[in-house]
Amino acid sequence: MSPAHLQLWFSQVPAAGVSTITLSKDGKHVEVGKTTITASDKSMTADPAKTLVPGSYVIHWRGAGDDGHVQQGDIAF
């Protein structure tokens, strides 16, 4: 089943304007909607623009907390 949302949780509220989620499949960009920050659960979410076809994907995330320190990483699924 294709995920309807890509959601990541953090120990601090991600800073808007710096924090993003992008997605790729086989090294190619996959369209997702705007990254949304939810302060109440310290998360950020982006929705795939289309149903994802079977395969290997990588979420690329970038975020910063209230101290402005930028972190980034990748999550494969």
Protein backbone atom coordinates (compact mmCIF):
# COMPACT_ATOMS: atom_id res chain seq x y z
CA MET A 1 0.00 0.00 0.00
CA SER A 2 1.29 3.44 -0.92
CA PRO A 3 1.74 5.90 1.99
CA ALA A 4 -0.57 8.92 1.86
CA HIS A 5 1.74 11.01 4.09
CA LEU A 6 5.45 11.25 4.81
CA GLN A 7 5.78 12.36 8.45
CA LEU A 8 8.89 12.77 10.60
CA TRP A 9 9.04 13.60 14.33
CA PHE A 10 11.80 15.51 16.12
CA SER A 11 12.84 16.47 19.66
CA GLN A 12 12.21 20.18 18.88
CA VAL A 13 9.69 21.90 16.65
CA PRO A 14 11.23 22.09 13.14
CA ALA A 15 11.88 25.67 12.01
CA ALA A 16 9.60 26.79 9.19
CA GLY A 17 11.40 28.00 6.08
CA VAL A 18 14.40 25.76 6.74
CA SER A 19 12.80 22.38 7.32
CA THR A 20 11.86 20.36 4.24
CA ILE A 21 11.00 16.88 3.05
CA THR A 22 11.82 15.73 -0.48
CA LEU A 23 11.48 12.27 -2.02
CA SER A 24 13.34 10.31 -4.69
CA LYS A 25 13.05 6.93 -6.40
CA ASP A 26 16.06 5.46 -8.19
CA GLY A 27 17.83 8.81 -7.88
CA LYS A 28 14.99 10.71 -9.57
CA HIS A 29 12.87 13.39 -7.90
CA VAL A 30 9.35 12.37 -6.87
CA GLU A 31 6.85 15.22 -6.48
CA VAL A 32 5.53 15.86 -2.97
CA GLY A 33 3.40 18.68 -1.61
CA LYS A 34 4.59 21.52 0.56
CA THR A 35 6.24 20.52 3.83
CA THR A 36 3.92 21.28 6.75
CA ILE A 37 5.18 21.85 10.30
CA THR A 38 3.01 20.71 13.22
CA ALA A 39 4.27 22.29 16.44
CA SER A 40 2.01 20.27 18.76
CA ASP A 41 3.79 16.99 17.97
CA LYS A 42 7.13 18.42 16.74
CA SER A 43 6.74 16.95 13.27
CA MET A 44 6.86 17.83 9.61
CA THR A 45 4.74 16.24 6.89
CA ALA A 46 4.65 16.16 3.09
CA ASP A 47 2.15 14.26 0.94
CA PRO A 48 3.16 12.48 -2.28
CA ALA A 49 1.49 14.18 -5.27
CA LYS A 50 0.54 10.78 -6.76
CA THR A 51 0.17 7.22 -5.53
CA LEU A 52 3.65 5.75 -5.20
CA VAL A 53 4.36 2.76 -7.42
CA PRO A 54 6.19 -0.22 -5.89
CA GLY A 55 9.93 0.29 -5.56
CA SER A 56 12.66 1.71 -3.35
CA TYR A 57 12.34 5.31 -2.19
CA VAL A 58 14.46 7.71 -0.15
CA ILE A 59 13.09 10.54 1.98
CA HIS A 60 15.58 13.40 2.15
CA TRP A 61 14.94 15.67 5.12
CA ARG A 62 16.46 18.90 6.29
CA GLY A 63 15.54 20.63 9.53
CA ALA A 64 16.57 23.10 12.17
CA GLY A 65 15.44 23.68 15.72
CA ASP A 66 15.13 26.90 17.67
CA ASP A 67 18.93 27.20 17.89
CA GLY A 68 19.17 27.42 14.07
CA HIS A 69 21.49 24.40 13.80
CA VAL A 70 20.65 22.61 10.53
CA GLN A 71 20.56 18.81 10.42
CA GLN A 72 19.76 16.60 7.46
CA GLY A 73 19.44 12.95 6.65
CA ASP A 74 17.94 10.24 4.49
CA ILE A 75 15.45 7.47 5.23
CA ALA A 76 15.09 4.60 2.76
CA PHE A 77 11.91 2.57 2.44
